[in-house]
């Protein structure tokens, strides 16, 4: 499971990094940020590292 906090206008970039996986979103009270939870079954540690490397390119992302 991956959890991220991103600016509201960056949700599609996170979802694009996980195109075939289930994502859940929750907007902050003021709507400026969105919490994104992604459920993914990884086959190796390299799969997980690769996803973190891809998502680290998104401006303003916070990985939890």
C-alpha atoms as a PDB file:
ATOM      1  CA  UNK A   1       0.000   0.000   0.000  1.00  0.00           C
ATOM      2  CA  UNK A   2       1.313   3.419  -0.988  1.00  0.00           C
ATOM      3  CA  UNK A   3       0.119   6.651   0.627  1.00  0.00           C
ATOM      4  CA  UNK A   4       0.807  10.095  -0.762  1.00  0.00           C
ATOM      5  CA  UNK A   5      -0.277  13.662  -0.141  1.00  0.00           C
ATOM      6  CA  UNK A   6      -0.261  15.793  -3.275  1.00  0.00           C
ATOM      7  CA  UNK A   7      -1.512  19.189  -4.382  1.00  0.00           C
ATOM      8  CA  UNK A   8      -5.043  18.820  -5.746  1.00  0.00           C
ATOM      9  CA  UNK A   9      -3.943  19.481  -9.324  1.00  0.00           C
ATOM     10  CA  UNK A  10      -1.449  16.564  -9.260  1.00  0.00           C
ATOM     11  CA  UNK A  11      -3.876  13.674  -8.617  1.00  0.00           C
ATOM     12  CA  UNK A  12      -3.840  12.522 -12.227  1.00  0.00           C
ATOM     13  CA  UNK A  13      -0.048  12.265 -12.206  1.00  0.00           C
ATOM     14  CA  UNK A  14      -0.140   9.889  -9.237  1.00  0.00           C
ATOM     15  CA  UNK A  15      -2.927   7.842 -10.796  1.00  0.00           C
ATOM     16  CA  UNK A  16      -0.954   7.682 -14.057  1.00  0.00           C
ATOM     17  CA  UNK A  17       1.933   6.069 -12.166  1.00  0.00           C
ATOM     18  CA  UNK A  18      -0.464   3.294 -11.065  1.00  0.00           C
ATOM     19  CA  UNK A  19      -2.735   2.866 -14.116  1.00  0.00           C
ATOM     20  CA  UNK A  20      -4.117  -0.595 -13.281  1.00  0.00           C
ATOM     21  CA  UNK A  21      -4.272  -0.350  -9.500  1.00  0.00           C
ATOM     22  CA  UNK A  22      -7.048   0.663  -7.145  1.00  0.00           C
ATOM     23  CA  UNK A  23      -6.695   4.237  -5.855  1.00  0.00           C
ATOM     24  CA  UNK A  24      -8.660   6.033  -3.166  1.00  0.00           C
ATOM     25  CA  UNK A  25      -8.591   9.798  -2.710  1.00  0.00           C
ATOM     26  CA  UNK A  26      -9.593  12.118   0.114  1.00  0.00           C
ATOM     27  CA  UNK A  27      -9.486  15.898  -0.247  1.00  0.00           C
ATOM     28  CA  UNK A  28      -8.246  18.100   2.586  1.00  0.00           C
ATOM     29  CA  UNK A  29     -10.735  20.315   4.376  1.00  0.00           C
ATOM     30  CA  UNK A  30      -9.814  23.333   2.241  1.00  0.00           C
ATOM     31  CA  UNK A  31      -9.393  21.268  -0.922  1.00  0.00           C
ATOM     32  CA  UNK A  32      -5.815  22.352  -1.563  1.00  0.00           C
ATOM     33  CA  UNK A  33      -4.316  18.887  -1.021  1.00  0.00           C
ATOM     34  CA  UNK A  34      -5.460  15.327  -1.641  1.00  0.00           C
ATOM     35  CA  UNK A  35      -4.506  12.136   0.144  1.00  0.00           C
ATOM     36  CA  UNK A  36      -4.038   9.270  -2.320  1.00  0.00           C
ATOM     37  CA  UNK A  37      -3.924   5.628  -1.234  1.00  0.00           C
ATOM     38  CA  UNK A  38      -2.899   3.005  -3.782  1.00  0.00           C
ATOM     39  CA  UNK A  39      -3.217  -0.739  -3.268  1.00  0.00           C
ATOM     40  CA  UNK A  40      -0.681  -2.696  -5.289  1.00  0.00           C
ATOM     41  CA  UNK A  41       0.616  -6.247  -5.082  1.00  0.00           C
ATOM     42  CA  UNK A  42       4.359  -6.059  -5.688  1.00  0.00           C
ATOM     43  CA  UNK A  43       6.290  -9.048  -6.959  1.00  0.00           C
ATOM     44  CA  UNK A  44       9.669  -7.754  -5.800  1.00  0.00           C
ATOM     45  CA  UNK A  45      11.338  -4.956  -3.876  1.00  0.00           C
ATOM     46  CA  UNK A  46      12.447  -3.498  -7.201  1.00  0.00           C
ATOM     47  CA  UNK A  47       8.784  -2.955  -8.155  1.00  0.00           C
ATOM     48  CA  UNK A  48       8.269  -0.863  -5.028  1.00  0.00           C
ATOM     49  CA  UNK A  49      11.455   1.147  -5.511  1.00  0.00           C
ATOM     50  CA  UNK A  50      10.519   1.808  -9.140  1.00  0.00           C
ATOM     51  CA  UNK A  51       7.114   3.230  -8.137  1.00  0.00           C
ATOM     52  CA  UNK A  52       8.720   5.508  -5.530  1.00  0.00           C
ATOM     53  CA  UNK A  53      11.242   6.721  -8.119  1.00  0.00           C
ATOM     54  CA  UNK A  54       8.454   7.485 -10.608  1.00  0.00           C
ATOM     55  CA  UNK A  55       6.286   9.300  -8.075  1.00  0.00           C
ATOM     56  CA  UNK A  56       9.225  11.267  -6.625  1.00  0.00           C
ATOM     57  CA  UNK A  57       9.269  13.184  -9.929  1.00  0.00           C
ATOM     58  CA  UNK A  58       5.855  14.723  -9.118  1.00  0.00           C
ATOM     59  CA  UNK A  59       6.220  18.263  -7.799  1.00  0.00           C
ATOM     60  CA  UNK A  60       4.921  18.756  -4.263  1.00  0.00           C
ATOM     61  CA  UNK A  61       4.337  15.064  -3.470  1.00  0.00           C
ATOM     62  CA  UNK A  62       4.794  13.751   0.064  1.00  0.00           C
ATOM     63  CA  UNK A  63       5.184   9.988   0.446  1.00  0.00           C
ATOM     64  CA  UNK A  64       3.998   8.581   3.761  1.00  0.00           C
END
